Each structure stands twice: as C-alpha cells, then as structure tokens.
Amino acid sequence: MTAKQKAARARFKAVVAEAKKLRKKNPKLTQAQAVKQAWAISYTKQRSGKKLGAVKKKSATKIKAKKSKRTSEMHTDTKSHNVNIRVMSGIDKTNIHHVLQLKHLTNNLTVAQYHLKKAIESKKLAKDTQGKIYFARMADRLRDEIKATKKQITIQKRLIK
C-alpha cells in the first residue's frame, strides 16, 4: 500500500469511529446521517490544521427523525434485482397499462412496416411466379396487420385521454 492509501484507510477508520460515537449520543440518527456528519467533522479538523483561514466550527445539528410505524419484522425483498420499475411523469397510475400497451403496439407497427417494405422488395427481386405470389400474399397480410394495429393504437390513445 502506498502512503496515501494508508492515510485514506486511517481517515476512513476514524470517520467510522466518529459516526459510532455520534449514533451513541443521538440514537435517532440514521447510519447515513451519522457518517455524513462524521465526514464533515473530519474535514473541518483537516482544514483547521492546515491554516487555510478562519474556519468556524459548526455545532452538530440535531436532525429530527421521522416517526414511522414499524413492525417488529423487517421486510426484505430478495428479488429486487429482477424488478423492472418504470417511472412515467404526468400519467396516472390507472393509465400506465394503456401507455405500455400503446408502446407495444407502436413497436409492432414499426416492425410490420419494416417487413412490408422487405416483402415488396423481395417480390420485385423474385424471378419465378411462385415466389412473386408468395411475397404478394405476405405483403397483403402485412397490410392487413398494419391496418388492424393502427385501429388498436387509436383505441389505446382514446383510453389514455
């Protein structure tokens, strides 16, 4: 370890000890708040030793902890890494289902339009009549699918409003 790493390690241990003292004095402090205050104390001690100017020491502010109804059991979510949370601003929670459905439909519409374009190109490039018939039928089916998807999109847009 380098000298700077050793100094940083020692400073960190001092901060942890200071946070422990702060939590003993005020048990309402959370661990994060205590560590934050301990780092502030450590930085003021460093600055006062270097004579960077007049540094006023601030007294440790008392932080009021919010009273919450806690049960004796703590709930732990073991599958939180599998949860996909989407936040959408300006949309009611009741409309989230419709918004997600609308996104899904617009994605399907884009894919169908892409495949229609490819089917038309393949129809032009096909040399035999059987291939041209196949791609023509595929293009017709995709046109019907696009038409139906557009209808569903208009319905979803109405439900969102």
Protein backbone atom coordinates (compact mmCIF):
# COMPACT_ATOMS: atom_id res chain seq x y z
CA MET A 1 0.00 0.00 0.00
CA THR A 2 1.15 3.49 -0.74
CA ALA A 3 1.37 6.16 1.91
CA LYS A 4 -1.72 7.93 0.54
CA GLN A 5 -3.72 4.71 0.66
CA LYS A 6 -2.67 4.09 4.26
CA ALA A 7 -3.64 7.64 5.20
CA ALA A 8 -7.02 7.28 3.49
CA ARG A 9 -7.62 3.99 5.29
CA ALA A 10 -6.79 5.55 8.64
CA ARG A 11 -9.04 8.54 7.90
CA PHE A 12 -11.90 6.20 6.99
CA LYS A 13 -11.48 4.22 10.23
CA ALA A 14 -11.52 7.47 12.19
CA VAL A 15 -14.74 8.52 10.45
CA VAL A 16 -16.38 5.19 11.24
CA ALA A 17 -15.41 5.55 14.91
CA GLU A 18 -16.73 9.13 14.97
CA ALA A 19 -20.02 8.00 13.40
CA LYS A 20 -20.34 5.33 16.07
CA LYS A 21 -19.91 7.99 18.78
CA LEU A 22 -22.50 10.23 17.15
CA ARG A 23 -25.02 7.40 16.99
CA LYS A 24 -24.44 6.66 20.68
CA LYS A 25 -25.14 10.30 21.54
CA ASN A 26 -28.21 10.53 19.32
CA PRO A 27 -29.83 7.13 18.60
CA LYS A 28 -32.40 8.76 16.31
CA LEU A 29 -29.69 9.44 13.73
CA THR A 30 -29.57 7.04 10.84
CA GLN A 31 -26.24 5.48 9.90
CA ALA A 32 -26.04 7.57 6.73
CA GLN A 33 -26.65 10.80 8.64
CA ALA A 34 -24.06 9.89 11.27
CA VAL A 35 -21.43 9.07 8.63
CA LYS A 36 -22.18 12.30 6.81
CA GLN A 37 -21.70 14.31 9.99
CA ALA A 38 -18.54 12.37 10.84
CA TRP A 39 -17.03 13.19 7.44
CA ALA A 40 -17.91 16.84 7.98
CA ILE A 41 -16.16 16.80 11.35
CA SER A 42 -13.12 15.10 9.86
CA TYR A 43 -12.88 17.68 7.05
CA THR A 44 -13.13 20.59 9.48
CA LYS A 45 -10.33 19.07 11.55
CA GLN A 46 -8.15 18.72 8.44
CA ARG A 47 -8.80 22.27 7.30
CA SER A 48 -8.13 23.77 10.75
CA GLY A 49 -4.75 22.01 10.87
CA LYS A 50 -3.63 23.46 7.54
CA LYS A 51 -4.39 27.08 8.49
CA LEU A 52 -6.40 27.82 5.37
CA GLY A 53 -8.07 30.75 7.04
CA ALA A 54 -10.58 31.22 9.77
CA VAL A 55 -12.82 28.20 9.73
CA LYS A 56 -15.75 28.32 12.07
CA LYS A 57 -16.70 25.05 13.63
CA LYS A 58 -20.34 24.30 13.26
CA SER A 59 -22.05 22.53 16.08
CA ALA A 60 -23.54 19.22 15.18
CA THR A 61 -27.09 19.88 14.10
CA LYS A 62 -29.78 17.77 15.58
CA ILE A 63 -31.81 16.01 12.95
CA LYS A 64 -35.33 15.04 13.80
CA ALA A 65 -36.10 11.54 12.72
CA LYS A 66 -39.47 10.92 11.16
CA LYS A 67 -41.75 8.82 13.26
CA SER A 68 -42.83 5.82 11.32
CA LYS A 69 -44.99 2.88 12.17
CA ARG A 70 -42.62 -0.05 12.23
CA THR A 71 -43.47 -3.60 12.99
CA SER A 72 -41.14 -5.98 14.70
CA GLU A 73 -40.48 -7.71 11.38
CA MET A 74 -38.39 -6.10 8.68
CA HIS A 75 -39.43 -6.90 5.13
CA THR A 76 -36.58 -7.76 2.82
CA ASP A 77 -37.09 -8.06 -0.90
CA THR A 78 -34.81 -10.81 -2.15
CA LYS A 79 -35.88 -10.46 -5.79
CA SER A 80 -35.43 -6.72 -6.18
CA HIS A 81 -32.84 -7.18 -8.92
CA ASN A 82 -35.48 -8.82 -11.10
CA VAL A 83 -37.95 -5.96 -10.78
CA ASN A 84 -38.22 -3.56 -13.70
CA ILE A 85 -39.60 -0.25 -12.50
CA ARG A 86 -40.72 2.36 -14.99
CA VAL A 87 -41.46 5.89 -13.91
CA MET A 88 -43.60 7.99 -16.21
CA SER A 89 -44.26 11.57 -15.26
CA GLY A 90 -47.64 13.15 -15.89
CA ILE A 91 -49.50 9.88 -16.26
CA ASP A 92 -51.98 8.47 -13.77
CA LYS A 93 -51.28 5.06 -12.37
CA THR A 94 -54.52 3.81 -13.91
CA ASN A 95 -53.29 4.75 -17.39
CA ILE A 96 -49.90 3.04 -17.14
CA HIS A 97 -51.32 -0.21 -18.53
CA HIS A 98 -52.73 1.62 -21.54
CA VAL A 99 -49.48 3.53 -22.09
CA LEU A 100 -47.45 0.34 -22.03
CA GLN A 101 -49.92 -1.28 -24.42
CA LEU A 102 -49.59 1.75 -26.72
CA LYS A 103 -45.79 1.44 -26.72
CA HIS A 104 -46.10 -2.25 -27.53
CA LEU A 105 -48.49 -1.56 -30.40
CA THR A 106 -46.34 1.20 -31.90
CA ASN A 107 -43.37 -1.14 -31.78
CA ASN A 108 -45.41 -3.84 -33.56
CA LEU A 109 -46.49 -1.29 -36.17
CA THR A 110 -42.89 -0.31 -36.89
CA VAL A 111 -41.84 -3.95 -37.24
CA ALA A 112 -44.77 -4.75 -39.56
CA GLN A 113 -43.99 -1.72 -41.74
CA TYR A 114 -40.36 -2.84 -41.99
CA HIS A 115 -41.38 -6.37 -43.01
CA LEU A 116 -43.86 -4.99 -45.56
CA LYS A 117 -41.10 -2.96 -47.16
CA LYS A 118 -38.85 -6.04 -47.32
CA ALA A 119 -41.68 -8.18 -48.76
CA ILE A 120 -42.30 -5.65 -51.54
CA GLU A 121 -38.57 -5.55 -52.34
CA SER A 122 -38.39 -9.35 -52.36
CA LYS A 123 -41.44 -9.53 -54.65
CA LYS A 124 -39.65 -7.29 -57.16
CA LEU A 125 -36.46 -9.38 -56.97
CA ALA A 126 -38.22 -12.76 -57.22
CA LYS A 127 -37.64 -14.40 -60.61
CA ASP A 128 -40.25 -17.16 -60.59
CA THR A 129 -44.01 -16.61 -60.42
CA GLN A 130 -44.43 -18.77 -57.33
CA GLY A 131 -42.02 -16.52 -55.35
CA LYS A 132 -43.82 -13.40 -56.56
CA ILE A 133 -47.17 -14.85 -55.45
CA TYR A 134 -45.73 -15.77 -52.03
CA PHE A 135 -44.34 -12.28 -51.39
CA ALA A 136 -47.52 -10.63 -52.72
CA ARG A 137 -49.62 -12.63 -50.22
CA MET A 138 -47.18 -11.80 -47.44
CA ALA A 139 -47.42 -8.09 -48.31
CA ASP A 140 -51.25 -8.27 -48.27
CA ARG A 141 -51.22 -10.00 -44.89
CA LEU A 142 -48.83 -7.36 -43.50
CA ARG A 143 -51.00 -4.52 -44.85
CA ASP A 144 -54.00 -6.03 -43.01
CA GLU A 145 -51.92 -6.36 -39.86
CA ILE A 146 -50.78 -2.72 -40.11
CA LYS A 147 -54.38 -1.58 -40.58
CA ALA A 148 -55.56 -3.53 -37.52
CA THR A 149 -52.64 -2.28 -35.41
CA LYS A 150 -53.41 1.34 -36.32
CA LYS A 151 -57.01 0.81 -35.17
CA GLN A 152 -55.80 -0.61 -31.85
CA ILE A 153 -53.43 2.35 -31.41
CA THR A 154 -56.29 4.84 -31.85
CA ILE A 155 -58.32 2.92 -29.27
CA GLN A 156 -55.45 2.99 -26.76
CA LYS A 157 -54.90 6.72 -27.34
CA ARG A 158 -58.58 7.35 -26.53
CA LEU A 159 -58.30 5.29 -23.33
CA ILE A 160 -55.28 7.28 -22.17
CA LYS A 161 -57.06 10.63 -22.52
